[in-house]
Protein backbone atom coordinates (compact mmCIF):
# COMPACT_ATOMS: atom_id res chain seq x y z
CA UNK A 1 -33.61 38.44 -26.70
CA UNK A 2 -36.82 38.85 -25.05
CA UNK A 3 -37.20 40.39 -21.55
CA UNK A 4 -38.28 36.99 -20.20
CA UNK A 5 -35.05 35.40 -21.43
CA UNK A 6 -32.97 38.38 -20.07
CA UNK A 7 -34.80 37.99 -16.69
CA UNK A 8 -34.22 34.17 -16.56
CA UNK A 9 -30.48 34.74 -17.23
CA UNK A 10 -30.23 37.24 -14.44
CA UNK A 11 -31.96 34.97 -12.01
CA UNK A 12 -29.77 32.00 -12.86
CA UNK A 13 -26.66 34.27 -12.50
CA UNK A 14 -27.91 35.57 -9.13
CA UNK A 15 -28.58 32.08 -7.85
CA UNK A 16 -25.09 31.00 -8.94
CA UNK A 17 -23.44 34.02 -7.16
CA UNK A 18 -25.46 33.27 -4.05
CA UNK A 19 -24.32 29.70 -4.09
CA UNK A 20 -20.70 30.69 -4.62
CA UNK A 21 -20.91 33.23 -1.68
CA UNK A 22 -22.54 30.62 0.49
CA UNK A 23 -19.81 27.97 -0.32
CA UNK A 24 -17.05 30.63 0.10
CA UNK A 25 -18.40 31.35 3.62
CA UNK A 26 -18.61 27.71 4.32
CA UNK A 27 -15.09 27.04 3.26
CA UNK A 28 -13.75 30.04 5.17
CA UNK A 29 -15.53 28.85 8.40
CA UNK A 30 -14.55 25.22 8.02
CA UNK A 31 -11.11 25.45 6.49
CA UNK A 32 -9.31 23.78 9.41
CA UNK A 33 -11.65 20.80 9.23
CA UNK A 34 -11.60 20.20 5.58
CA UNK A 35 -8.01 20.98 4.50
CA UNK A 36 -5.34 18.27 4.29
CA UNK A 37 -3.21 17.73 7.40
CA UNK A 38 0.03 19.45 6.94
CA UNK A 39 3.10 20.66 8.77
CA UNK A 40 2.48 22.18 12.15
CA UNK A 41 -0.87 20.30 12.56
CA UNK A 42 -1.30 17.92 15.51
CA UNK A 43 -1.80 14.34 14.66
CA UNK A 44 -5.40 13.50 14.43
CA UNK A 45 -6.68 10.98 17.03
CA UNK A 46 -7.77 7.55 15.77
CA UNK A 47 -8.46 4.07 16.86
CA UNK A 48 -5.83 1.52 15.68
CA UNK A 49 -6.54 -2.20 14.96
CA UNK A 50 -3.50 -4.46 15.04
CA UNK A 51 -3.13 -6.83 12.16
CA UNK A 52 -4.76 -10.07 13.01
CA UNK A 53 -7.19 -8.63 15.43
CA UNK A 54 -10.98 -7.87 15.01
CA UNK A 55 -11.17 -4.94 17.30
CA UNK A 56 -9.12 -1.81 17.88
CA UNK A 57 -6.56 -2.39 20.41
CA UNK A 58 -4.92 0.96 20.73
CA UNK A 59 -5.07 4.64 19.67
CA UNK A 60 -2.80 6.81 17.78
CA UNK A 61 -2.24 9.07 20.81
CA UNK A 62 -1.39 6.02 22.98
CA UNK A 63 1.06 4.81 20.32
CA UNK A 64 2.94 8.13 19.89
CA UNK A 65 4.04 8.74 23.38
CA UNK A 66 6.72 11.36 23.36
CA UNK A 67 8.81 9.92 20.61
CA UNK A 68 9.52 11.07 16.95
CA UNK A 69 7.25 8.87 14.95
CA UNK A 70 7.25 7.80 11.28
CA UNK A 71 3.81 6.58 10.14
CA UNK A 72 3.89 4.65 6.84
CA UNK A 73 0.63 4.10 4.92
CA UNK A 74 1.06 1.22 2.48
CA UNK A 75 -0.48 -1.68 0.61
CA UNK A 76 0.73 -5.13 -0.59
CA UNK A 77 -0.13 -4.42 -4.22
CA UNK A 78 1.75 -1.05 -4.30
CA UNK A 79 5.19 -1.40 -5.89
CA UNK A 80 6.65 1.78 -4.52
CA UNK A 81 5.45 0.56 -1.06
CA UNK A 82 7.34 -2.70 -1.72
CA UNK A 83 10.47 -0.86 -2.84
CA UNK A 84 10.47 1.39 0.19
CA UNK A 85 9.68 -1.26 2.93
CA UNK A 86 13.32 -2.68 3.33
CA UNK A 87 14.58 0.82 4.10
CA UNK A 88 11.77 1.53 6.55
CA UNK A 89 12.48 -1.79 8.34
CA UNK A 90 16.13 -1.01 8.55
CA UNK A 91 15.33 2.51 10.04
CA UNK A 92 13.07 0.95 12.53
CA UNK A 93 15.88 -1.43 13.56
CA UNK A 94 18.54 1.14 13.72
CA UNK A 95 16.69 3.94 15.60
CA UNK A 96 14.10 2.16 17.63
CA UNK A 97 16.27 2.41 20.71
CA UNK A 98 17.23 5.99 19.89
CA UNK A 99 13.88 7.53 20.17
CA UNK A 100 12.17 6.59 16.92
CA UNK A 101 8.75 4.99 16.66
CA UNK A 102 7.74 3.52 13.42
CA UNK A 103 3.95 2.79 12.91
CA UNK A 104 3.06 0.72 9.80
CA UNK A 105 -0.60 1.36 8.50
CA UNK A 106 -1.87 -1.13 6.03
CA UNK A 107 -4.76 0.22 3.98
CA UNK A 108 -6.25 -2.97 2.62
CA UNK A 109 -9.57 -4.47 3.60
CA UNK A 110 -9.70 -7.02 6.29
CA UNK A 111 -10.47 -9.74 3.63
CA UNK A 112 -6.94 -9.34 2.35
CA UNK A 113 -5.22 -10.04 5.76
CA UNK A 114 -3.68 -13.26 4.78
CA UNK A 115 -1.85 -11.47 2.01
CA UNK A 116 -0.79 -8.60 4.51
CA UNK A 117 0.48 -11.25 6.96
CA UNK A 118 2.51 -12.77 4.22
CA UNK A 119 3.87 -9.33 3.29
CA UNK A 120 4.93 -8.66 6.90
CA UNK A 121 6.79 -12.08 7.11
CA UNK A 122 8.43 -11.52 3.73
CA UNK A 123 9.78 -8.16 4.75
CA UNK A 124 10.67 -9.15 8.40
CA UNK A 125 8.63 -6.29 9.65
CA UNK A 126 9.08 -5.88 13.51
CA UNK A 127 7.44 -2.56 14.00
CA UNK A 128 3.77 -2.33 15.05
CA UNK A 129 1.48 -3.01 12.05
CA UNK A 130 -2.11 -1.78 12.06
CA UNK A 131 -4.88 -2.02 9.50
CA UNK A 132 -6.85 1.14 8.64
CA UNK A 133 -10.45 -0.06 9.13
CA UNK A 134 -12.54 1.76 6.61
CA UNK A 135 -9.74 4.20 5.71
CA UNK A 136 -10.53 6.39 8.74
CA UNK A 137 -6.89 7.15 9.64
CA UNK A 138 -5.92 7.74 6.02
CA UNK A 139 -8.84 10.15 5.67
CA UNK A 140 -7.89 11.91 8.94
CA UNK A 141 -4.44 12.45 7.53
CA UNK A 142 -5.72 13.19 3.93
CA UNK A 143 -3.77 10.24 2.47
CA UNK A 144 -4.87 9.50 -1.18
CA UNK A 145 -1.62 7.85 -2.54
CA UNK A 146 0.69 5.19 -1.32
CA UNK A 147 3.15 5.16 0.13
CA UNK A 148 2.60 8.13 2.24
CA UNK A 149 4.95 8.69 5.18
CA UNK A 150 4.02 11.15 7.93
CA UNK A 151 6.74 12.22 10.31
CA UNK A 152 5.62 13.57 13.67
CA UNK A 153 7.82 15.38 16.18
CA UNK A 154 8.11 14.23 19.76
CA UNK A 155 5.01 16.39 20.60
CA UNK A 156 2.81 14.62 18.00
CA UNK A 157 2.90 17.46 15.55
CA UNK A 158 3.22 16.80 11.81
CA UNK A 159 6.70 17.91 10.56
CA UNK A 160 6.73 16.24 7.15
CA UNK A 161 4.30 14.67 4.80
CA UNK A 162 6.06 12.52 2.08
CA UNK A 163 3.96 11.06 -0.70
CA UNK A 164 5.32 8.36 -2.96
CA UNK A 165 8.50 6.46 -2.79
CA UNK A 166 11.05 8.22 -0.61
CA UNK A 167 14.70 7.13 -0.63
CA UNK A 168 15.96 5.50 2.59
CA UNK A 169 18.76 8.16 2.77
CA UNK A 170 16.19 10.99 2.80
CA UNK A 171 14.17 9.22 5.54
CA UNK A 172 17.36 8.65 7.59
CA UNK A 173 18.17 12.41 7.22
CA UNK A 174 14.83 13.40 8.56
CA UNK A 175 15.02 11.01 11.36
CA UNK A 176 18.52 12.12 12.39
CA UNK A 177 17.29 15.84 12.17
CA UNK A 178 14.36 15.07 14.41
CA UNK A 179 16.29 13.05 16.98
CA UNK A 180 18.89 15.71 17.68
């Protein structure tokens, strides 16, 4: 190995280390902004657009109030979402007047809204249903899989993040625990 090859290797290694140190400092300084939302974090603020409307009509903070809130991210094409929805509808009906707020967030593009409206009718959904324009709310909560259910306490703080199908009995237990 020539001196020139050795020097090139040292320079590449030094650049790689400098980049790693820079990225490490960036991550450390910005961790709260880039990590997924989790237990103990306040719910991020976001505009909400009701299904069937063109413009946002509400905000997450306005919808929360001071109630325990279950936020359900779903899609019509998602089989686990379809399987979970009857239980979520039952929980909404059972606990709506006892301090639970269920917010249903559809993640499909506005072009698919007829399909979404059919889904809402088929499952007899009576809770507020919003669409996630551009995936902003899903990104704010770091949602990447469906269904994802976020449970917020009465202060709007995340207490549970449930990814994938969750049995109705598990959701009921969580709701009862938070309403006590």
